Amino acid sequence: MPLPPNASIRRSRVRLEGEAVIRGAEGDWRGPVCNLSVTGLRMLRPPGFGLRVGQAVEVELHCGSPDAAIELLMLARVARSDARTLGLRFAPMPDRLERALERALARQGTTRAPVADGWRDDRRVHP
């Protein structure tokens, strides 16, 4: 069986239009998603966000096309944070959920879509 056109990006970070809502002990923050993979996401840093690296959070994810939206509630940890972006690493998920997310990313994801505020990461996703 031939692989789908985006099969090579299944394990890479891909771009999807969408938003993440972060829920922590100190409050809630929302911001546009820059890229997403089965292990985590990168997003534009929400105004007022001040959680430290390692902090556990809930992430509500809303992205993808309207006819095949990805709507998830995940546990994660703050993996990194800088002046513009924030990286979250998802907690381990059941294999079935991971496979479903991989399929959704392969169908809907792209490595070259623009992101909110015109900011773009031009690093290559593939070697």
PDB file of N, CA and C in Angstrom:
ATOM      1  N   MET A   1       0.843  -1.162   0.000  1.00  0.00           N
ATOM      2  CA  MET A   1       0.000   0.000   0.000  1.00  0.00           C
ATOM      3  C   MET A   1       0.900   1.241   0.000  1.00  0.00           C
ATOM      4  N   PRO A   2       0.650   2.211  -0.903  1.00  0.00           N
ATOM      5  CA  PRO A   2       1.491   3.402  -0.939  1.00  0.00           C
ATOM      6  C   PRO A   2       1.261   4.269   0.297  1.00  0.00           C
ATOM      7  N   LEU A   3       2.315   4.964   0.703  1.00  0.00           N
ATOM      8  CA  LEU A   3       2.227   5.863   1.847  1.00  0.00           C
ATOM      9  C   LEU A   3       1.506   7.148   1.453  1.00  0.00           C
ATOM     10  N   PRO A   4       0.795   7.761   2.402  1.00  0.00           N
ATOM     11  CA  PRO A   4       0.167   9.045   2.096  1.00  0.00           C
ATOM     12  C   PRO A   4       1.235  10.095   1.802  1.00  0.00           C
ATOM     13  N   PRO A   5       0.878  11.171   1.076  1.00  0.00           N
ATOM     14  CA  PRO A   5       1.868  12.172   0.681  1.00  0.00           C
ATOM     15  C   PRO A   5       2.655  12.759   1.834  1.00  0.00           C
ATOM     16  N   ASN A   6       2.051  12.910   3.014  1.00  0.00           N
ATOM     17  CA  ASN A   6       2.746  13.504   4.148  1.00  0.00           C
ATOM     18  C   ASN A   6       3.301  12.470   5.125  1.00  0.00           C
ATOM     19  N   ALA A   7       3.439  11.216   4.705  1.00  0.00           N
ATOM     20  CA  ALA A   7       3.881  10.163   5.617  1.00  0.00           C
ATOM     21  C   ALA A   7       5.255  10.462   6.207  1.00  0.00           C
ATOM     22  N   SER A   8       6.103  11.156   5.472  1.00  0.00           N
ATOM     23  CA  SER A   8       7.451  11.430   5.962  1.00  0.00           C
ATOM     24  C   SER A   8       7.460  12.407   7.122  1.00  0.00           C
ATOM     25  N   ILE A   9       6.357  13.103   7.396  1.00  0.00           N
ATOM     26  CA  ILE A   9       6.342  14.060   8.493  1.00  0.00           C
ATOM     27  C   ILE A   9       5.615  13.519   9.717  1.00  0.00           C
ATOM     28  N   ARG A  10       5.306  12.260   9.744  1.00  0.00           N
ATOM     29  CA  ARG A  10       4.506  11.705  10.838  1.00  0.00           C
ATOM     30  C   ARG A  10       5.142  11.911  12.199  1.00  0.00           C
ATOM     31  N   ARG A  11       6.441  11.795  12.314  1.00  0.00           N
ATOM     32  CA  ARG A  11       7.109  11.930  13.600  1.00  0.00           C
ATOM     33  C   ARG A  11       7.786  13.282  13.768  1.00  0.00           C
ATOM     34  N   SER A  12       7.714  14.118  12.769  1.00  0.00           N
ATOM     35  CA  SER A  12       8.302  15.440  12.841  1.00  0.00           C
ATOM     36  C   SER A  12       7.284  16.435  13.360  1.00  0.00           C
ATOM     37  N   ARG A  13       7.761  17.591  13.685  1.00  0.00           N
ATOM     38  CA  ARG A  13       6.850  18.674  14.047  1.00  0.00           C
ATOM     39  C   ARG A  13       6.258  19.231  12.766  1.00  0.00           C
ATOM     40  N   VAL A  14       4.957  19.405  12.761  1.00  0.00           N
ATOM     41  CA  VAL A  14       4.270  19.927  11.592  1.00  0.00           C
ATOM     42  C   VAL A  14       3.477  21.164  11.984  1.00  0.00           C
ATOM     43  N   ARG A  15       3.145  21.956  10.993  1.00  0.00           N
ATOM     44  CA  ARG A  15       2.376  23.174  11.226  1.00  0.00           C
ATOM     45  C   ARG A  15       0.898  22.908  10.983  1.00  0.00           C
ATOM     46  N   LEU A  16       0.103  23.419  11.879  1.00  0.00           N
ATOM     47  CA  LEU A  16      -1.353  23.364  11.758  1.00  0.00           C
ATOM     48  C   LEU A  16      -1.893  24.692  12.269  1.00  0.00           C
ATOM     49  N   GLU A  17      -2.898  25.210  11.611  1.00  0.00           N
ATOM     50  CA  GLU A  17      -3.567  26.390  12.147  1.00  0.00           C
ATOM     51  C   GLU A  17      -4.266  25.976  13.427  1.00  0.00           C
ATOM     52  N   GLY A  18      -4.125  26.751  14.483  1.00  0.00           N
ATOM     53  CA  GLY A  18      -4.842  26.412  15.692  1.00  0.00           C
ATOM     54  C   GLY A  18      -4.400  27.194  16.900  1.00  0.00           C
ATOM     55  N   GLU A  19      -4.952  26.787  18.030  1.00  0.00           N
ATOM     56  CA  GLU A  19      -4.730  27.476  19.287  1.00  0.00           C
ATOM     57  C   GLU A  19      -4.578  26.450  20.401  1.00  0.00           C
ATOM     58  N   ALA A  20      -3.765  26.791  21.382  1.00  0.00           N
ATOM     59  CA  ALA A  20      -3.635  25.972  22.583  1.00  0.00           C
ATOM     60  C   ALA A  20      -4.032  26.820  23.783  1.00  0.00           C
ATOM     61  N   VAL A  21      -4.747  26.190  24.708  1.00  0.00           N
ATOM     62  CA  VAL A  21      -5.097  26.826  25.969  1.00  0.00           C
ATOM     63  C   VAL A  21      -4.330  26.068  27.051  1.00  0.00           C
ATOM     64  N   ILE A  22      -3.500  26.795  27.793  1.00  0.00           N
ATOM     65  CA  ILE A  22      -2.702  26.195  28.860  1.00  0.00           C
ATOM     66  C   ILE A  22      -3.388  26.492  30.182  1.00  0.00           C
ATOM     67  N   ARG A  23      -3.608  25.460  30.964  1.00  0.00           N
ATOM     68  CA  ARG A  23      -4.227  25.629  32.275  1.00  0.00           C
ATOM     69  C   ARG A  23      -3.224  25.179  33.340  1.00  0.00           C
ATOM     70  N   GLY A  24      -2.829  26.139  34.175  1.00  0.00           N
ATOM     71  CA  GLY A  24      -1.897  25.858  35.259  1.00  0.00           C
ATOM     72  C   GLY A  24      -2.472  26.330  36.578  1.00  0.00           C
ATOM     73  N   ALA A  25      -1.763  26.071  37.660  1.00  0.00           N
ATOM     74  CA  ALA A  25      -2.227  26.468  38.991  1.00  0.00           C
ATOM     75  C   ALA A  25      -2.371  27.984  39.113  1.00  0.00           C
ATOM     76  N   GLU A  26      -1.585  28.744  38.341  1.00  0.00           N
ATOM     77  CA  GLU A  26      -1.601  30.204  38.423  1.00  0.00           C
ATOM     78  C   GLU A  26      -2.574  30.856  37.447  1.00  0.00           C
ATOM     79  N   GLY A  27      -3.264  30.091  36.638  1.00  0.00           N
ATOM     80  CA  GLY A  27      -4.220  30.664  35.702  1.00  0.00           C
ATOM     81  C   GLY A  27      -4.225  29.959  34.361  1.00  0.00           C
ATOM     82  N   ASP A  28      -4.909  30.572  33.394  1.00  0.00           N
ATOM     83  CA  ASP A  28      -5.031  30.042  32.037  1.00  0.00           C
ATOM     84  C   ASP A  28      -4.421  31.026  31.055  1.00  0.00           C
ATOM     85  N   TRP A  29      -3.821  30.497  29.995  1.00  0.00           N
ATOM     86  CA  TRP A  29      -3.248  31.315  28.921  1.00  0.00           C
ATOM     87  C   TRP A  29      -3.622  30.668  27.601  1.00  0.00           C
ATOM     88  N   ARG A  30      -3.779  31.486  26.571  1.00  0.00           N
ATOM     89  CA  ARG A  30      -4.063  30.932  25.249  1.00  0.00           C
ATOM     90  C   ARG A  30      -3.178  31.611  24.222  1.00  0.00           C
ATOM     91  N   GLY A  31      -2.834  30.841  23.186  1.00  0.00           N
ATOM     92  CA  GLY A  31      -2.004  31.397  22.131  1.00  0.00           C
ATOM     93  C   GLY A  31      -2.004  30.505  20.910  1.00  0.00           C
ATOM     94  N   PRO A  32      -1.545  31.059  19.779  1.00  0.00           N
ATOM     95  CA  PRO A  32      -1.489  30.296  18.532  1.00  0.00           C
ATOM     96  C   PRO A  32      -0.413  29.208  18.565  1.00  0.00           C
ATOM     97  N   VAL A  33      -0.745  28.084  17.964  1.00  0.00           N
ATOM     98  CA  VAL A  33       0.201  26.970  17.840  1.00  0.00           C
ATOM     99  C   VAL A  33       1.142  27.252  16.675  1.00  0.00           C
ATOM    100  N   CYS A  34       2.443  27.071  16.892  1.00  0.00           N
ATOM    101  CA  CYS A  34       3.434  27.195  15.812  1.00  0.00           C
ATOM    102  C   CYS A  34       3.622  25.847  15.118  1.00  0.00           C
ATOM    103  N   ASN A  35       3.848  24.800  15.924  1.00  0.00           N
ATOM    104  CA  ASN A  35       3.961  23.462  15.357  1.00  0.00           C
ATOM    105  C   ASN A  35       3.604  22.432  16.416  1.00  0.00           C
ATOM    106  N   LEU A  36       3.383  21.207  15.929  1.00  0.00           N
ATOM    107  CA  LEU A  36       2.847  20.153  16.780  1.00  0.00           C
ATOM    108  C   LEU A  36       3.434  18.821  16.355  1.00  0.00           C
ATOM    109  N   SER A  37       3.673  17.951  17.320  1.00  0.00           N
ATOM    110  CA  SER A  37       4.059  16.570  17.042  1.00  0.00           C
ATOM    111  C   SER A  37       3.376  15.684  18.076  1.00  0.00           C
ATOM    112  N   VAL A  38       3.608  14.392  18.007  1.00  0.00           N
ATOM    113  CA  VAL A  38       3.003  13.504  18.990  1.00  0.00           C
ATOM    114  C   VAL A  38       3.679  13.634  20.348  1.00  0.00           C
ATOM    115  N   THR A  39       4.814  14.297  20.419  1.00  0.00           N
ATOM    116  CA  THR A  39       5.506  14.441  21.702  1.00  0.00           C
ATOM    117  C   THR A  39       5.326  15.813  22.335  1.00  0.00           C
ATOM    118  N   GLY A  40       4.866  16.801  21.569  1.00  0.00           N
ATOM    119  CA  GLY A  40       4.703  18.116  22.166  1.00  0.00           C
ATOM    120  C   GLY A  40       4.322  19.169  21.152  1.00  0.00           C
ATOM    121  N   LEU A  41       4.381  20.422  21.594  1.00  0.00           N
ATOM    122  CA  LEU A  41       4.034  21.521  20.705  1.00  0.00           C
ATOM    123  C   LEU A  41       4.884  22.734  21.032  1.00  0.00           C
ATOM    124  N   ARG A  42       4.941  23.624  20.058  1.00  0.00           N
ATOM    125  CA  ARG A  42       5.542  24.940  20.253  1.00  0.00           C
ATOM    126  C   ARG A  42       4.479  25.953  19.897  1.00  0.00           C
ATOM    127  N   MET A  43       4.387  27.008  20.692  1.00  0.00           N
ATOM    128  CA  MET A  43       3.379  28.036  20.477  1.00  0.00           C
ATOM    129  C   MET A  43       3.988  29.392  20.756  1.00  0.00           C
ATOM    130  N   LEU A  44       3.319  30.431  20.264  1.00  0.00           N
ATOM    131  CA  LEU A  44       3.736  31.772  20.623  1.00  0.00           C
ATOM    132  C   LEU A  44       3.457  31.957  22.106  1.00  0.00           C
ATOM    133  N   ARG A  45       4.392  32.597  22.789  1.00  0.00           N
ATOM    134  CA  ARG A  45       4.265  32.780  24.237  1.00  0.00           C
ATOM    135  C   ARG A  45       3.087  33.716  24.548  1.00  0.00           C
ATOM    136  N   PRO A  46       2.138  33.242  25.347  1.00  0.00           N
ATOM    137  CA  PRO A  46       0.991  34.094  25.692  1.00  0.00           C
ATOM    138  C   PRO A  46       1.425  35.255  26.594  1.00  0.00           C
ATOM    139  N   PRO A  47       0.790  36.410  26.451  1.00  0.00           N
ATOM    140  CA  PRO A  47       1.103  37.541  27.335  1.00  0.00           C
ATOM    141  C   PRO A  47       0.885  37.155  28.797  1.00  0.00           C
ATOM    142  N   GLY A  48       1.823  37.533  29.645  1.00  0.00           N
ATOM    143  CA  GLY A  48       1.709  37.266  31.075  1.00  0.00           C
ATOM    144  C   GLY A  48       2.098  35.868  31.497  1.00  0.00           C
ATOM    145  N   PHE A  49       2.509  35.013  30.563  1.00  0.00           N
ATOM    146  CA  PHE A  49       2.874  33.639  30.921  1.00  0.00           C
ATOM    147  C   PHE A  49       4.155  33.655  31.748  1.00  0.00           C
ATOM    148  N   GLY A  50       4.149  32.987  32.895  1.00  0.00           N
ATOM    149  CA  GLY A  50       5.316  33.008  33.758  1.00  0.00           C
ATOM    150  C   GLY A  50       5.647  31.686  34.413  1.00  0.00           C
ATOM    151  N   LEU A  51       5.105  30.588  33.916  1.00  0.00           N
ATOM    152  CA  LEU A  51       5.401  29.295  34.527  1.00  0.00           C
ATOM    153  C   LEU A  51       6.836  28.884  34.221  1.00  0.00           C
ATOM    154  N   ARG A  52       7.439  28.202  35.154  1.00  0.00           N
ATOM    155  CA  ARG A  52       8.833  27.782  35.001  1.00  0.00           C
ATOM    156  C   ARG A  52       8.939  26.471  34.200  1.00  0.00           C
ATOM    157  N   VAL A  53      10.115  26.230  33.663  1.00  0.00           N
ATOM    158  CA  VAL A  53      10.392  24.974  32.960  1.00  0.00           C
ATOM    159  C   VAL A  53      10.194  23.828  33.953  1.00  0.00           C
ATOM    160  N   GLY A  54       9.509  22.794  33.517  1.00  0.00           N
ATOM    161  CA  GLY A  54       9.220  21.633  34.352  1.00  0.00           C
ATOM    162  C   GLY A  54       7.838  21.659  34.979  1.00  0.00           C
ATOM    163  N   GLN A  55       7.180  22.819  34.955  1.00  0.00           N
ATOM    164  CA  GLN A  55       5.850  22.954  35.538  1.00  0.00           C
ATOM    165  C   GLN A  55       4.846  22.089  34.783  1.00  0.00           C
ATOM    166  N   ALA A  56       4.019  21.335  35.506  1.00  0.00           N
ATOM    167  CA  ALA A  56       2.972  20.511  34.891  1.00  0.00           C
ATOM    168  C   ALA A  56       1.762  21.382  34.567  1.00  0.00           C
ATOM    169  N   VAL A  57       1.170  21.149  33.396  1.00  0.00           N
ATOM    170  CA  VAL A  57       0.000  21.911  32.946  1.00  0.00           C
ATOM    171  C   VAL A  57      -0.957  20.985  32.206  1.00  0.00           C
ATOM    172  N   GLU A  58      -2.179  21.453  32.019  1.00  0.00           N
ATOM    173  CA  GLU A  58      -3.118  20.837  31.092  1.00  0.00           C
ATOM    174  C   GLU A  58      -3.086  21.671  29.825  1.00  0.00           C
ATOM    175  N   VAL A  59      -3.192  21.023  28.680  1.00  0.00           N
ATOM    176  CA  VAL A  59      -3.215  21.731  27.401  1.00  0.00           C
ATOM    177  C   VAL A  59      -4.471  21.329  26.656  1.00  0.00           C
ATOM    178  N   GLU A  60      -5.258  22.306  26.311  1.00  0.00           N
ATOM    179  CA  GLU A  60      -6.436  22.114  25.470  1.00  0.00           C
ATOM    180  C   GLU A  60      -6.008  22.515  24.069  1.00  0.00           C
ATOM    181  N   LEU A  61      -6.088  21.617  23.132  1.00  0.00           N
ATOM    182  CA  LEU A  61      -5.600  21.857  21.782  1.00  0.00           C
ATOM    183  C   LEU A  61      -6.768  21.910  20.812  1.00  0.00           C
ATOM    184  N   HIS A  62      -6.809  22.971  20.011  1.00  0.00           N
ATOM    185  CA  HIS A  62      -7.850  23.163  18.997  1.00  0.00           C
ATOM    186  C   HIS A  62      -7.143  23.530  17.696  1.00  0.00           C
ATOM    187  N   CYS A  63      -7.033  22.600  16.768  1.00  0.00           N
ATOM    188  CA  CYS A  63      -6.349  22.925  15.513  1.00  0.00           C
ATOM    189  C   CYS A  63      -6.810  22.005  14.395  1.00  0.00           C
ATOM    190  N   GLY A  64      -6.296  22.295  13.209  1.00  0.00           N
ATOM    191  CA  GLY A  64      -6.659  21.527  12.031  1.00  0.00           C
ATOM    192  C   GLY A  64      -7.783  22.190  11.266  1.00  0.00           C
ATOM    193  N   SER A  65      -8.184  21.555  10.197  1.00  0.00           N
ATOM    194  CA  SER A  65      -9.244  22.099   9.349  1.00  0.00           C
ATOM    195  C   SER A  65     -10.595  21.945  10.042  1.00  0.00           C
ATOM    196  N   PRO A  66     -11.538  22.845   9.747  1.00  0.00           N
ATOM    197  CA  PRO A  66     -12.856  22.779  10.404  1.00  0.00           C
ATOM    198  C   PRO A  66     -13.580  21.450  10.189  1.00  0.00           C
ATOM    199  N   ASP A  67     -13.398  20.821   9.028  1.00  0.00           N
ATOM    200  CA  ASP A  67     -14.090  19.563   8.759  1.00  0.00           C
ATOM    201  C   ASP A  67     -13.398  18.354   9.385  1.00  0.00           C
ATOM    202  N   ALA A  68     -12.155  18.501   9.850  1.00  0.00           N
ATOM    203  CA  ALA A  68     -11.434  17.405  10.499  1.00  0.00           C
ATOM    204  C   ALA A  68     -10.588  17.968  11.632  1.00  0.00           C
ATOM    205  N   ALA A  69     -11.218  18.694  12.533  1.00  0.00           N
ATOM    206  CA  ALA A  69     -10.505  19.374  13.609  1.00  0.00           C
ATOM    207  C   ALA A  69      -9.881  18.388  14.594  1.00  0.00           C
ATOM    208  N   ILE A  70      -8.768  18.796  15.160  1.00  0.00           N
ATOM    209  CA  ILE A  70      -8.114  18.050  16.226  1.00  0.00           C
ATOM    210  C   ILE A  70      -8.454  18.782  17.523  1.00  0.00           C
ATOM    211  N   GLU A  71      -9.170  18.119  18.386  1.00  0.00           N
ATOM    212  CA  GLU A  71      -9.568  18.676  19.677  1.00  0.00           C
ATOM    213  C   GLU A  71      -9.090  17.705  20.751  1.00  0.00           C
ATOM    214  N   LEU A  72      -8.101  18.118  21.540  1.00  0.00           N
ATOM    215  CA  LEU A  72      -7.529  17.228  22.551  1.00  0.00           C
ATOM    216  C   LEU A  72      -7.345  17.957  23.869  1.00  0.00           C
ATOM    217  N   LEU A  73      -7.384  17.212  24.953  1.00  0.00           N
ATOM    218  CA  LEU A  73      -7.002  17.697  26.263  1.00  0.00           C
ATOM    219  C   LEU A  73      -5.876  16.787  26.720  1.00  0.00           C
ATOM    220  N   MET A  74      -4.694  17.376  26.920  1.00  0.00           N
ATOM    221  CA  MET A  74      -3.499  16.591  27.222  1.00  0.00           C
ATOM    222  C   MET A  74      -2.832  17.124  28.487  1.00  0.00           C
ATOM    223  N   LEU A  75      -2.068  16.274  29.137  1.00  0.00           N
ATOM    224  CA  LEU A  75      -1.194  16.705  30.212  1.00  0.00           C
ATOM    225  C   LEU A  75       0.175  16.958  29.599  1.00  0.00           C
ATOM    226  N   ALA A  76       0.868  17.961  30.107  1.00  0.00           N
ATOM    227  CA  ALA A  76       2.175  18.308  29.548  1.00  0.00           C
ATOM    228  C   ALA A  76       3.027  18.980  30.624  1.00  0.00           C
ATOM    229  N   ARG A  77       4.272  19.221  30.260  1.00  0.00           N
ATOM    230  CA  ARG A  77       5.200  19.997  31.096  1.00  0.00           C
ATOM    231  C   ARG A  77       5.807  21.082  30.229  1.00  0.00           C
ATOM    232  N   VAL A  78       6.097  22.204  30.851  1.00  0.00           N
ATOM    233  CA  VAL A  78       6.791  23.274  30.145  1.00  0.00           C
ATOM    234  C   VAL A  78       8.211  22.773  29.889  1.00  0.00           C
ATOM    235  N   ALA A  79       8.576  22.671  28.610  1.00  0.00           N
ATOM    236  CA  ALA A  79       9.893  22.163  28.232  1.00  0.00           C
ATOM    237  C   ALA A  79      10.899  23.289  28.023  1.00  0.00           C
ATOM    238  N   ARG A  80      10.416  24.417  27.513  1.00  0.00           N
ATOM    239  CA  ARG A  80      11.293  25.573  27.322  1.00  0.00           C
ATOM    240  C   ARG A  80      10.433  26.810  27.138  1.00  0.00           C
ATOM    241  N   SER A  81      11.040  27.947  27.389  1.00  0.00           N
ATOM    242  CA  SER A  81      10.327  29.207  27.270  1.00  0.00           C
ATOM    243  C   SER A  81      11.340  30.294  26.955  1.00  0.00           C
ATOM    244  N   ASP A  82      11.033  31.133  25.967  1.00  0.00           N
ATOM    245  CA  ASP A  82      11.870  32.289  25.675  1.00  0.00           C
ATOM    246  C   ASP A  82      10.963  33.497  25.470  1.00  0.00           C
ATOM    247  N   ALA A  83      11.496  34.584  24.999  1.00  0.00           N
ATOM    248  CA  ALA A  83      10.718  35.817  24.873  1.00  0.00           C
ATOM    249  C   ALA A  83       9.564  35.697  23.882  1.00  0.00           C
ATOM    250  N   ARG A  84       9.682  34.843  22.863  1.00  0.00           N
ATOM    251  CA  ARG A  84       8.650  34.738  21.811  1.00  0.00           C
ATOM    252  C   ARG A  84       7.840  33.460  21.849  1.00  0.00           C
ATOM    253  N   THR A  85       8.467  32.354  22.227  1.00  0.00           N
ATOM    254  CA  THR A  85       7.789  31.063  22.113  1.00  0.00           C
ATOM    255  C   THR A  85       7.863  30.255  23.401  1.00  0.00           C
ATOM    256  N   LEU A  86       7.063  29.206  23.408  1.00  0.00           N
ATOM    257  CA  LEU A  86       6.941  28.318  24.548  1.00  0.00           C
ATOM    258  C   LEU A  86       6.880  26.894  24.007  1.00  0.00           C
ATOM    259  N   GLY A  87       7.636  25.985  24.595  1.00  0.00           N
ATOM    260  CA  GLY A  87       7.598  24.582  24.198  1.00  0.00           C
ATOM    261  C   GLY A  87       7.008  23.737  25.302  1.00  0.00           C
ATOM    262  N   LEU A  88       6.088  22.854  24.944  1.00  0.00           N
ATOM    263  CA  LEU A  88       5.464  21.946  25.899  1.00  0.00           C
ATOM    264  C   LEU A  88       5.723  20.516  25.466  1.00  0.00           C
ATOM    265  N   ARG A  89       6.027  19.656  26.412  1.00  0.00           N
ATOM    266  CA  ARG A  89       6.219  18.228  26.135  1.00  0.00           C
ATOM    267  C   ARG A  89       5.039  17.477  26.731  1.00  0.00           C
ATOM    268  N   PHE A  90       4.351  16.712  25.880  1.00  0.00           N
ATOM    269  CA  PHE A  90       3.191  15.954  26.335  1.00  0.00           C
ATOM    270  C   PHE A  90       3.605  14.809  27.247  1.00  0.00           C
ATOM    271  N   ALA A  91       2.739  14.501  28.200  1.00  0.00           N
ATOM    272  CA  ALA A  91       2.910  13.296  29.016  1.00  0.00           C
ATOM    273  C   ALA A  91       2.678  12.087  28.107  1.00  0.00           C
ATOM    274  N   PRO A  92       3.238  10.940  28.451  1.00  0.00           N
ATOM    275  CA  PRO A  92       2.984   9.755  27.626  1.00  0.00           C
ATOM    276  C   PRO A  92       1.484   9.526  27.457  1.00  0.00           C
ATOM    277  N   MET A  93       1.120   9.143  26.245  1.00  0.00           N
ATOM    278  CA  MET A  93      -0.294   8.917  25.947  1.00  0.00           C
ATOM    279  C   MET A  93      -0.497   7.466  25.516  1.00  0.00           C
ATOM    280  N   PRO A  94      -1.714   6.975  25.604  1.00  0.00           N
ATOM    281  CA  PRO A  94      -1.988   5.606  25.153  1.00  0.00           C
ATOM    282  C   PRO A  94      -1.617   5.447  23.671  1.00  0.00           C
ATOM    283  N   ASP A  95      -1.163   4.257  23.308  1.00  0.00           N
ATOM    284  CA  ASP A  95      -0.747   3.992  21.929  1.00  0.00           C
ATOM    285  C   ASP A  95      -1.835   4.339  20.919  1.00  0.00           C
ATOM    286  N   ARG A  96      -3.064   4.023  21.240  1.00  0.00           N
ATOM    287  CA  ARG A  96      -4.167   4.282  20.304  1.00  0.00           C
ATOM    288  C   ARG A  96      -4.306   5.782  20.028  1.00  0.00           C
ATOM    289  N   LEU A  97      -4.193   6.609  21.061  1.00  0.00           N
ATOM    290  CA  LEU A  97      -4.273   8.056  20.889  1.00  0.00           C
ATOM    291  C   LEU A  97      -3.071   8.569  20.097  1.00  0.00           C
ATOM    292  N   GLU A  98      -1.897   8.046  20.386  1.00  0.00           N
ATOM    293  CA  GLU A  98      -0.697   8.460  19.652  1.00  0.00           C
ATOM    294  C   GLU A  98      -0.830   8.142  18.160  1.00  0.00           C
ATOM    295  N   ARG A  99      -1.324   6.961  17.833  1.00  0.00           N
ATOM    296  CA  ARG A  99      -1.501   6.596  16.420  1.00  0.00           C
ATOM    297  C   ARG A  99      -2.536   7.485  15.746  1.00  0.00           C
ATOM    298  N   ALA A 100      -3.625   7.793  16.450  1.00  0.00           N
ATOM    299  CA  ALA A 100      -4.657   8.671  15.876  1.00  0.00           C
ATOM    300  C   ALA A 100      -4.092  10.072  15.627  1.00  0.00           C
ATOM    301  N   LEU A 101      -3.293  10.579  16.552  1.00  0.00           N
ATOM    302  CA  LEU A 101      -2.680  11.889  16.367  1.00  0.00           C
ATOM    303  C   LEU A 101      -1.673  11.853  15.221  1.00  0.00           C
ATOM    304  N   GLU A 102      -0.889  10.804  15.112  1.00  0.00           N
ATOM    305  CA  GLU A 102       0.042  10.658  13.982  1.00  0.00           C
ATOM    306  C   GLU A 102      -0.698  10.717  12.649  1.00  0.00           C
ATOM    307  N   ARG A 103      -1.813   9.990  12.556  1.00  0.00           N
ATOM    308  CA  ARG A 103      -2.585   9.993  11.311  1.00  0.00           C
ATOM    309  C   ARG A 103      -3.121  11.388  10.997  1.00  0.00           C
ATOM    310  N   ALA A 104      -3.632  12.076  12.015  1.00  0.00           N
ATOM    311  CA  ALA A 104      -4.154  13.431  11.804  1.00  0.00           C
ATOM    312  C   ALA A 104      -3.048  14.377  11.356  1.00  0.00           C
ATOM    313  N   LEU A 105      -1.876  14.258  11.939  1.00  0.00           N
ATOM    314  CA  LEU A 105      -0.754  15.126  11.549  1.00  0.00           C
ATOM    315  C   LEU A 105      -0.306  14.825  10.120  1.00  0.00           C
ATOM    316  N   ALA A 106      -0.290  13.554   9.752  1.00  0.00           N
ATOM    317  CA  ALA A 106       0.114  13.180   8.400  1.00  0.00           C
ATOM    318  C   ALA A 106      -0.877  13.694   7.362  1.00  0.00           C
ATOM    319  N   ARG A 107      -2.162  13.690   7.692  1.00  0.00           N
ATOM    320  CA  ARG A 107      -3.193  14.161   6.760  1.00  0.00           C
ATOM    321  C   ARG A 107      -3.237  15.679   6.659  1.00  0.00           C
ATOM    322  N   GLN A 108      -3.117  16.358   7.787  1.00  0.00           N
ATOM    323  CA  GLN A 108      -3.373  17.791   7.821  1.00  0.00           C
ATOM    324  C   GLN A 108      -2.138  18.657   7.956  1.00  0.00           C
ATOM    325  N   GLY A 109      -1.057  18.110   8.426  1.00  0.00           N
ATOM    326  CA  GLY A 109       0.122  18.915   8.712  1.00  0.00           C
ATOM    327  C   GLY A 109       0.913  19.293   7.476  1.00  0.00           C
ATOM    328  N   THR A 110       1.659  20.363   7.613  1.00  0.00           N
ATOM    329  CA  THR A 110       2.560  20.803   6.560  1.00  0.00           C
ATOM    330  C   THR A 110       3.831  21.337   7.204  1.00  0.00           C
ATOM    331  N   THR A 111       4.918  21.293   6.494  1.00  0.00           N
ATOM    332  CA  THR A 111       6.170  21.815   7.039  1.00  0.00           C
ATOM    333  C   THR A 111       6.428  23.241   6.589  1.00  0.00           C
ATOM    334  N   ARG A 112       5.545  23.844   5.802  1.00  0.00           N
ATOM    335  CA  ARG A 112       5.794  25.173   5.244  1.00  0.00           C
ATOM    336  C   ARG A 112       4.640  26.166   5.364  1.00  0.00           C
ATOM    337  N   ALA A 113       3.742  26.014   6.310  1.00  0.00           N
ATOM    338  CA  ALA A 113       2.628  26.961   6.450  1.00  0.00           C
ATOM    339  C   ALA A 113       3.030  28.147   7.313  1.00  0.00           C
ATOM    340  N   PRO A 114       2.554  29.338   7.022  1.00  0.00           N
ATOM    341  CA  PRO A 114       2.843  30.479   7.880  1.00  0.00           C
ATOM    342  C   PRO A 114       2.124  30.339   9.215  1.00  0.00           C
ATOM    343  N   VAL A 115       2.613  31.039  10.211  1.00  0.00           N
ATOM    344  CA  VAL A 115       1.998  30.993  11.534  1.00  0.00           C
ATOM    345  C   VAL A 115       1.560  32.388  11.946  1.00  0.00           C
ATOM    346  N   ALA A 116       0.875  32.464  13.054  1.00  0.00           N
ATOM    347  CA  ALA A 116       0.329  33.732  13.544  1.00  0.00           C
ATOM    348  C   ALA A 116       1.417  34.793  13.675  1.00  0.00           C
ATOM    349  N   ASP A 117       1.040  36.042  13.561  1.00  0.00           N
ATOM    350  CA  ASP A 117       1.912  37.206  13.704  1.00  0.00           C
ATOM    351  C   ASP A 117       3.014  37.244  12.653  1.00  0.00           C
ATOM    352  N   GLY A 118       2.903  36.438  11.595  1.00  0.00           N
ATOM    353  CA  GLY A 118       3.901  36.443  10.543  1.00  0.00           C
ATOM    354  C   GLY A 118       5.220  35.814  10.949  1.00  0.00           C
ATOM    355  N   TRP A 119       5.324  35.326  12.183  1.00  0.00           N
ATOM    356  CA  TRP A 119       6.574  34.710  12.626  1.00  0.00           C
ATOM    357  C   TRP A 119       6.658  33.311  12.061  1.00  0.00           C
ATOM    358  N   ARG A 120       7.820  32.928  11.640  1.00  0.00           N
ATOM    359  CA  ARG A 120       7.975  31.646  10.976  1.00  0.00           C
ATOM    360  C   ARG A 120       9.308  31.034  11.358  1.00  0.00           C
ATOM    361  N   ASP A 121       9.313  29.746  11.553  1.00  0.00           N
ATOM    362  CA  ASP A 121      10.546  29.019  11.841  1.00  0.00           C
ATOM    363  C   ASP A 121      10.996  28.387  10.536  1.00  0.00           C
ATOM    364  N   ASP A 122      12.089  28.859   9.990  1.00  0.00           N
ATOM    365  CA  ASP A 122      12.542  28.365   8.693  1.00  0.00           C
ATOM    366  C   ASP A 122      13.517  27.201   8.806  1.00  0.00           C
ATOM    367  N   ARG A 123      13.698  26.690  10.011  1.00  0.00           N
ATOM    368  CA  ARG A 123      14.583  25.522  10.138  1.00  0.00           C
ATOM    369  C   ARG A 123      13.967  24.354   9.390  1.00  0.00           C
ATOM    370  N   ARG A 124      14.797  23.541   8.801  1.00  0.00           N
ATOM    371  CA  ARG A 124      14.293  22.371   8.078  1.00  0.00           C
ATOM    372  C   ARG A 124      13.774  21.341   9.067  1.00  0.00           C
ATOM    373  N   VAL A 125      12.680  20.699   8.691  1.00  0.00           N
ATOM    374  CA  VAL A 125      12.121  19.637   9.520  1.00  0.00           C
ATOM    375  C   VAL A 125      12.783  18.314   9.167  1.00  0.00           C
ATOM    376  N   HIS A 126      13.182  18.166   7.919  1.00  0.00           N
ATOM    377  CA  HIS A 126      13.816  16.928   7.459  1.00  0.00           C
ATOM    378  C   HIS A 126      15.299  17.177   7.211  1.00  0.00           C
ATOM    379  N   PRO A 127      16.116  16.144   7.419  1.00  0.00           N
ATOM    380  CA  PRO A 127      17.548  16.301   7.098  1.00  0.00           C
ATOM    381  C   PRO A 127      17.760  16.436   5.605  1.00  0.00           C
TER     382      PRO A 127
END
